[in-house]
Amino acid sequence: MFRSTLPRLSRRLTLALAFSAFLLGGLAQAQTGTIKLLVGFPPGGGTDAIARTLADKLKEQLGTTVIVENRAGAGGQIAAQVLKAAPADGSTFFLTHDHTISILPLVVKNPGFDPARDFVAVAGFATFVNALAVSGGTPARSMSEYVSWVRSQGGGKGTVGVPAPASVPEFLVKLIGQKYALDLQAAPYRGSAPMMADMLGNQINAGVASIPDFIENHKAGKVRIVAVLGGARQAAVPDVPTFAELGLAGFEDVPYYGIFAPAGTPKAVIDRFSEAVAKVIALPDVRERLTTMGLTVGYMSPQQLASREHAYAQTWARIIKASGFQAQ
């Protein structure tokens, strides 16, 4: 019995080792070449700055070149489609926030990708909150002053920029208008960078986007953040009240930032990249940089990120349905 079983066990062990070597060899080959980190928004915005902060350190952890590739357009939809078509070999990853993965499939009939089928979660690394900011051309320095100013301008009508159409910021504009009895219209942009350019040029008087999109210009006094979402005030802007404090509750479930890969990417590849992200965000200089940009830094494993994304999508599916919005 022992003699007849041993050769079979030996062959199985040999095959298992060969398969492991194949996976690790593929991983080494994919991650000693150039790794592309896709970003679905233009250079100069908050997401782009975050991606470049991580990419610089991921190079050191992975021992290979990591480049940020901007595939801007349609709220990250173009980048997501690029990821879907990319080889599942560890050469392409996608750094994004909630809008592309959780919200777009709820508001676009045919986004060209199915997150559950086409992507696999790699690592979450932060949460953040959206905020309302006013441009320097307005006299408002608080939410109440902004509401009063809008009411004094043509019967309570105002335009508020948002980084993408049918996004969480666009729904927030509608809800803010309802709360304060204002006729606010969202003006969608192709990312936060062009929206910010118009705010800085006083072409638009206010915007709703993430704190990382606003924080540098807020610190410089060029725009003013007057309210933030989430269940608590944010360390980056401790003097700014939450919308819940101002009476607009129900938006305490904060968005996330995460990294995704094409479906079918080997687990060994996912685990190595995920571990590298965990090490990078633990570095004091990276953590400080991301925190000052308005993020709450915290690692999420692939499983935790997948669960977080699913729960967040369910929350917003209910909100979007209640708003009467129809997927387009």
Protein backbone atom coordinates (compact mmCIF):
# COMPACT_ATOMS: atom_id res chain seq x y z
CA MET A 1 0.00 0.00 0.00
CA PHE A 2 2.73 2.42 1.01
CA ARG A 3 4.85 1.69 -2.06
CA SER A 4 1.95 2.04 -4.48
CA THR A 5 0.72 5.29 -2.91
CA LEU A 6 4.07 7.07 -2.66
CA PRO A 7 4.62 7.53 -6.43
CA ARG A 8 1.14 9.00 -6.81
CA LEU A 9 1.71 11.39 -3.90
CA SER A 10 5.06 12.32 -5.37
CA ARG A 11 3.50 13.09 -8.74
CA ARG A 12 0.77 15.20 -7.10
CA LEU A 13 3.34 17.10 -5.10
CA THR A 14 5.39 17.68 -8.22
CA LEU A 15 2.34 18.97 -10.09
CA ALA A 16 1.34 21.22 -7.19
CA LEU A 17 4.83 22.68 -6.99
CA ALA A 18 4.92 23.18 -10.73
CA PHE A 19 1.57 25.01 -10.66
CA SER A 20 2.74 27.22 -7.79
CA ALA A 21 5.91 28.00 -9.70
CA PHE A 22 3.81 28.87 -12.74
CA LEU A 23 1.70 31.31 -10.73
CA LEU A 24 4.67 32.88 -9.01
CA GLY A 25 6.56 33.04 -12.29
CA GLY A 26 3.65 34.83 -13.91
CA LEU A 27 3.47 37.17 -10.95
CA ALA A 28 7.17 37.91 -11.11
CA GLN A 29 6.99 38.52 -14.83
CA ALA A 30 3.93 40.82 -14.51
CA GLN A 31 5.35 42.73 -11.56
CA THR A 32 8.91 43.19 -12.72
CA GLY A 33 7.62 45.00 -15.78
CA THR A 34 5.57 48.19 -15.71
CA ILE A 35 2.33 48.14 -13.73
CA LYS A 36 -0.40 50.53 -14.84
CA LEU A 37 -2.57 52.12 -12.18
CA LEU A 38 -5.65 53.41 -13.99
CA VAL A 39 -7.40 56.57 -12.82
CA GLY A 40 -10.76 57.55 -14.29
CA PHE A 41 -10.33 61.31 -13.86
CA PRO A 42 -8.03 63.97 -15.32
CA PRO A 43 -4.64 64.94 -13.89
CA GLY A 44 -4.81 67.60 -11.21
CA GLY A 45 -7.82 66.29 -9.31
CA GLY A 46 -7.98 64.67 -5.89
CA THR A 47 -8.09 61.08 -7.14
CA ASP A 48 -5.11 61.66 -9.42
CA ALA A 49 -3.07 63.14 -6.55
CA ILE A 50 -3.94 60.17 -4.32
CA ALA A 51 -2.95 57.68 -7.02
CA ARG A 52 0.41 59.35 -7.60
CA THR A 53 1.12 59.42 -3.86
CA LEU A 54 0.60 55.65 -3.65
CA ALA A 55 2.29 54.82 -6.96
CA ASP A 56 5.59 56.34 -5.88
CA LYS A 57 5.76 54.09 -2.82
CA LEU A 58 4.32 50.99 -4.50
CA LYS A 59 7.33 51.08 -6.81
CA GLU A 60 9.56 50.50 -3.79
CA GLN A 61 7.38 47.76 -2.29
CA LEU A 62 6.93 45.82 -5.53
CA GLY A 63 10.35 46.43 -7.00
CA THR A 64 8.94 47.57 -10.32
CA THR A 65 7.74 50.67 -12.11
CA VAL A 66 4.18 51.76 -11.29
CA ILE A 67 2.74 54.44 -13.53
CA VAL A 68 -0.53 56.33 -13.20
CA GLU A 69 -2.50 56.24 -16.44
CA ASN A 70 -5.38 58.73 -16.65
CA ARG A 71 -8.33 57.45 -18.68
CA ALA A 72 -10.69 60.31 -17.91
CA GLY A 73 -14.31 60.52 -18.90
CA ALA A 74 -17.86 59.57 -17.95
CA GLY A 75 -17.17 59.52 -14.23
CA GLY A 76 -14.58 56.78 -14.48
CA GLN A 77 -16.63 54.66 -16.89
CA ILE A 78 -13.95 54.74 -19.59
CA ALA A 79 -11.23 53.60 -17.17
CA ALA A 80 -13.47 50.81 -15.91
CA GLN A 81 -13.99 49.57 -19.44
CA VAL A 82 -10.23 49.64 -19.99
CA LEU A 83 -9.77 47.54 -16.85
CA LYS A 84 -12.35 45.02 -18.02
CA ALA A 85 -10.43 44.54 -21.29
CA ALA A 86 -7.00 44.38 -19.63
CA PRO A 87 -5.13 41.07 -19.24
CA ALA A 88 -5.63 39.44 -15.83
CA ASP A 89 -1.91 39.12 -15.18
CA GLY A 90 -1.16 41.77 -12.58
CA SER A 91 -0.07 44.40 -15.09
CA THR A 92 -3.17 46.62 -14.72
CA PHE A 93 -5.04 47.86 -11.65
CA PHE A 94 -7.72 50.51 -11.16
CA LEU A 95 -7.68 53.04 -8.31
CA THR A 96 -11.10 54.58 -7.86
CA HIS A 97 -13.69 55.75 -5.40
CA ASP A 98 -17.30 54.75 -4.89
CA HIS A 99 -18.79 56.51 -7.91
CA THR A 100 -17.43 54.28 -10.66
CA ILE A 101 -17.83 50.92 -8.95
CA SER A 102 -20.95 51.39 -6.78
CA ILE A 103 -22.95 54.25 -8.30
CA LEU A 104 -22.48 54.12 -12.08
CA PRO A 105 -24.12 50.69 -12.43
CA LEU A 106 -27.18 52.14 -10.64
CA VAL A 107 -27.59 55.20 -12.85
CA VAL A 108 -26.39 54.02 -16.28
CA LYS A 109 -28.32 51.30 -18.11
CA ASN A 110 -25.34 49.96 -20.01
CA PRO A 111 -22.10 51.07 -18.34
CA GLY A 112 -20.09 48.51 -20.29
CA PHE A 113 -19.00 46.58 -17.21
CA ASP A 114 -20.43 44.61 -14.29
CA PRO A 115 -18.34 45.07 -11.13
CA ALA A 116 -19.42 41.73 -9.66
CA ARG A 117 -18.53 39.82 -12.81
CA ASP A 118 -15.69 41.80 -14.39
CA PHE A 119 -13.62 43.01 -11.43
CA VAL A 120 -12.06 41.66 -8.26
CA ALA A 121 -11.35 43.73 -5.17
CA VAL A 122 -7.66 44.16 -4.29
CA ALA A 123 -7.41 46.59 -1.37
CA GLY A 124 -9.28 49.45 0.21
CA PHE A 125 -7.14 52.14 1.74
CA ALA A 126 -9.32 55.03 2.86
CA THR A 127 -12.74 56.53 3.33
CA PHE A 128 -13.65 60.16 2.77
CA VAL A 129 -16.59 62.52 2.80
CA ASN A 130 -18.12 64.82 0.26
CA ALA A 131 -18.44 68.49 1.00
CA LEU A 132 -20.07 71.69 -0.21
CA ALA A 133 -17.64 74.48 -1.02
CA VAL A 134 -18.26 78.01 -2.25
CA SER A 135 -16.03 80.00 -4.58
CA GLY A 136 -14.06 83.04 -3.59
CA GLY A 137 -16.42 85.24 -5.57
CA THR A 138 -19.23 84.73 -3.08
CA PRO A 139 -19.33 86.54 0.27
CA ALA A 140 -20.49 83.41 2.09
CA ARG A 141 -18.30 81.92 4.80
CA SER A 142 -20.79 79.49 6.29
CA MET A 143 -23.69 77.33 5.14
CA SER A 144 -26.26 79.79 6.46
CA GLU A 145 -24.53 82.67 4.67
CA TYR A 146 -24.46 80.67 1.44
CA VAL A 147 -28.21 79.91 1.70
CA SER A 148 -28.95 83.60 2.36
CA TRP A 149 -26.76 84.66 -0.55
CA VAL A 150 -28.46 82.26 -2.99
CA ARG A 151 -31.88 83.52 -1.87
CA SER A 152 -30.77 87.04 -2.63
CA GLN A 153 -29.70 86.07 -6.15
CA GLY A 154 -32.67 85.82 -8.49
CA GLY A 155 -35.22 84.20 -6.25
CA GLY A 156 -33.19 81.42 -4.70
CA LYS A 157 -31.74 79.97 -7.90
CA GLY A 158 -28.23 78.69 -8.00
CA THR A 159 -25.88 76.39 -9.90
CA VAL A 160 -23.62 73.92 -8.14
CA GLY A 161 -20.80 72.07 -9.87
CA VAL A 162 -20.38 68.30 -9.49
CA PRO A 163 -17.52 66.13 -10.80
CA ALA A 164 -19.74 63.75 -12.79
CA PRO A 165 -23.36 63.41 -13.91
CA ALA A 166 -25.72 61.17 -11.92
CA SER A 167 -23.17 61.03 -9.12
CA VAL A 168 -23.59 61.16 -5.35
CA PRO A 169 -22.68 64.89 -5.44
CA GLU A 170 -25.48 65.50 -7.97
CA PHE A 171 -28.02 63.78 -5.73
CA LEU A 172 -26.71 65.80 -2.80
CA VAL A 173 -27.28 69.05 -4.69
CA LYS A 174 -30.91 68.07 -5.13
CA LEU A 175 -31.31 67.17 -1.47
CA ILE A 176 -29.60 70.35 -0.28
CA GLY A 177 -31.96 72.37 -2.45
CA GLN A 178 -34.97 70.56 -0.99
CA LYS A 179 -33.72 71.04 2.56
CA TYR A 180 -33.23 74.79 2.22
CA ALA A 181 -36.04 75.47 -0.29
CA LEU A 182 -33.57 76.58 -2.97
CA ASP A 183 -33.75 76.02 -6.72
CA LEU A 184 -30.30 74.46 -7.08
CA GLN A 185 -29.24 72.94 -10.39
CA ALA A 186 -26.27 70.59 -10.66
CA ALA A 187 -23.71 71.33 -13.37
CA PRO A 188 -21.84 68.09 -14.18
CA TYR A 189 -18.16 68.21 -15.17
CA ARG A 190 -15.67 65.64 -16.46
CA GLY A 191 -13.91 65.35 -13.13
CA SER A 192 -13.16 67.66 -10.22
CA ALA A 193 -10.20 69.43 -11.88
CA PRO A 194 -12.23 71.31 -14.54
CA MET A 195 -14.94 72.01 -11.96
CA MET A 196 -12.35 73.49 -9.64
CA ALA A 197 -10.93 75.61 -12.46
CA ASP A 198 -14.35 77.18 -12.98
CA MET A 199 -14.78 77.73 -9.24
CA LEU A 200 -11.40 79.44 -9.04
CA GLY A 201 -12.39 81.61 -12.01
CA ASN A 202 -15.74 82.38 -10.37
CA GLN A 203 -17.55 80.89 -13.34
CA ILE A 204 -19.52 78.81 -10.89
CA ASN A 205 -20.34 79.79 -7.32
CA ALA A 206 -20.31 76.46 -5.52
CA GLY A 207 -19.44 72.80 -5.90
CA VAL A 208 -20.02 69.46 -4.23
CA ALA A 209 -17.12 66.99 -4.33
CA SER A 210 -14.81 65.12 -1.99
CA ILE A 211 -12.69 66.93 0.57
CA PRO A 212 -9.49 65.86 -1.28
CA ASP A 213 -10.79 67.73 -4.32
CA PHE A 214 -11.17 70.96 -2.33
CA ILE A 215 -8.64 70.82 0.45
CA GLU A 216 -5.61 72.58 -1.10
CA ASN A 217 -7.63 75.50 -2.41
CA HIS A 218 -9.59 75.65 0.84
CA LYS A 219 -6.35 75.97 2.80
CA ALA A 220 -5.20 78.66 0.38
CA GLY A 221 -8.44 80.60 0.92
CA LYS A 222 -9.43 80.34 -2.74
CA VAL A 223 -12.58 78.34 -1.98
CA ARG A 224 -14.36 77.77 1.32
CA ILE A 225 -15.73 74.43 2.50
CA VAL A 226 -18.91 75.23 4.43
CA ALA A 227 -20.35 71.79 5.24
CA VAL A 228 -19.28 68.14 5.13
CA LEU A 229 -21.10 64.84 5.13
CA GLY A 230 -20.40 61.93 7.43
CA GLY A 231 -21.13 61.21 11.06
CA ALA A 232 -18.38 63.43 12.51
CA ARG A 233 -16.35 66.50 11.70
CA GLN A 234 -13.26 65.85 9.63
CA ALA A 235 -9.70 66.21 10.89
CA ALA A 236 -8.69 68.11 7.73
CA VAL A 237 -11.37 70.77 8.35
CA PRO A 238 -12.27 70.53 12.05
CA ASP A 239 -14.11 73.87 12.12
CA VAL A 240 -16.56 72.88 9.36
CA PRO A 241 -19.88 71.42 10.58
CA THR A 242 -21.45 68.25 9.23
CA PHE A 243 -24.72 68.37 7.31
CA ALA A 244 -26.20 66.29 10.14
CA GLU A 245 -25.37 69.13 12.55
CA LEU A 246 -27.16 71.47 10.16
CA GLY A 247 -30.23 69.24 10.01
CA LEU A 248 -29.60 67.16 6.87
CA ALA A 249 -29.12 63.67 8.29
CA GLY A 250 -29.09 60.26 6.63
CA PHE A 251 -25.74 60.43 4.83
CA GLU A 252 -23.40 59.07 7.45
CA ASP A 253 -22.34 56.06 5.34
CA VAL A 254 -19.16 57.55 3.87
CA PRO A 255 -17.63 56.70 0.47
CA TYR A 256 -14.46 54.67 0.04
CA TYR A 257 -11.32 54.51 -2.06
CA GLY A 258 -10.15 51.15 -3.34
CA ILE A 259 -8.10 49.32 -5.92
CA PHE A 260 -9.54 46.71 -8.29
CA ALA A 261 -8.15 44.26 -10.85
CA PRO A 262 -9.63 42.40 -13.81
CA ALA A 263 -11.61 39.29 -12.93
CA GLY A 264 -9.51 36.17 -13.18
CA THR A 265 -6.35 37.76 -11.82
CA PRO A 266 -4.55 35.05 -9.81
CA LYS A 267 -4.97 35.18 -6.04
CA ALA A 268 -1.20 35.30 -5.56
CA VAL A 269 -1.10 38.50 -7.62
CA ILE A 270 -4.01 40.03 -5.70
CA ASP A 271 -2.53 39.16 -2.33
CA ARG A 272 0.91 40.54 -3.13
CA PHE A 273 -0.42 43.84 -4.42
CA SER A 274 -2.85 44.10 -1.50
CA GLU A 275 -0.05 43.53 0.99
CA ALA A 276 2.02 46.20 -0.74
CA VAL A 277 -0.85 48.70 -0.39
CA ALA A 278 -1.15 47.87 3.32
CA LYS A 279 2.56 48.54 3.83
CA VAL A 280 2.48 51.77 1.83
CA ILE A 281 -0.41 53.37 3.71
CA ALA A 282 1.26 52.43 7.01
CA LEU A 283 4.25 54.63 6.13
CA PRO A 284 4.09 57.80 8.28
CA ASP A 285 4.70 60.19 5.39
CA VAL A 286 2.04 58.57 3.20
CA ARG A 287 -0.49 58.46 6.02
CA GLU A 288 0.17 62.11 6.83
CA ARG A 289 -0.12 63.12 3.17
CA LEU A 290 -3.42 61.29 2.66
CA THR A 291 -4.81 62.59 5.95
CA THR A 292 -4.02 66.20 5.07
CA MET A 293 -5.82 65.61 1.78
CA GLY A 294 -8.97 64.81 3.74
CA LEU A 295 -8.92 61.01 3.81
CA THR A 296 -9.45 58.72 6.77
CA VAL A 297 -6.75 56.15 6.12
CA GLY A 298 -7.42 52.49 6.85
CA TYR A 299 -6.60 49.22 5.13
CA MET A 300 -9.33 46.91 3.84
CA SER A 301 -8.50 43.40 2.66
CA PRO A 302 -9.92 42.19 -0.65
CA GLN A 303 -12.81 40.57 1.19
CA GLN A 304 -13.47 43.66 3.32
CA LEU A 305 -13.40 45.97 0.30
CA ALA A 306 -15.81 43.71 -1.60
CA SER A 307 -18.23 43.71 1.37
CA ARG A 308 -17.91 47.48 1.79
CA GLU A 309 -18.64 48.08 -1.88
CA HIS A 310 -21.70 45.81 -1.84
CA ALA A 311 -23.17 47.46 1.27
CA TYR A 312 -22.54 50.96 -0.06
CA ALA A 313 -24.20 50.13 -3.39
CA GLN A 314 -27.25 48.78 -1.57
CA THR A 315 -27.56 51.96 0.51
CA TRP A 316 -27.45 54.21 -2.53
CA ALA A 317 -29.73 51.97 -4.56
CA ARG A 318 -32.45 52.74 -1.99
CA ILE A 319 -31.70 56.48 -2.01
CA ILE A 320 -31.64 56.69 -5.81
CA LYS A 321 -34.87 54.72 -6.12
CA ALA A 322 -36.58 56.99 -3.57
CA SER A 323 -35.45 60.06 -5.54
CA GLY A 324 -37.34 58.85 -8.60
CA PHE A 325 -34.21 58.88 -10.76
CA GLN A 326 -34.36 56.60 -13.80
CA ALA A 327 -31.22 54.96 -15.14
CA GLN A 328 -30.19 56.52 -18.45
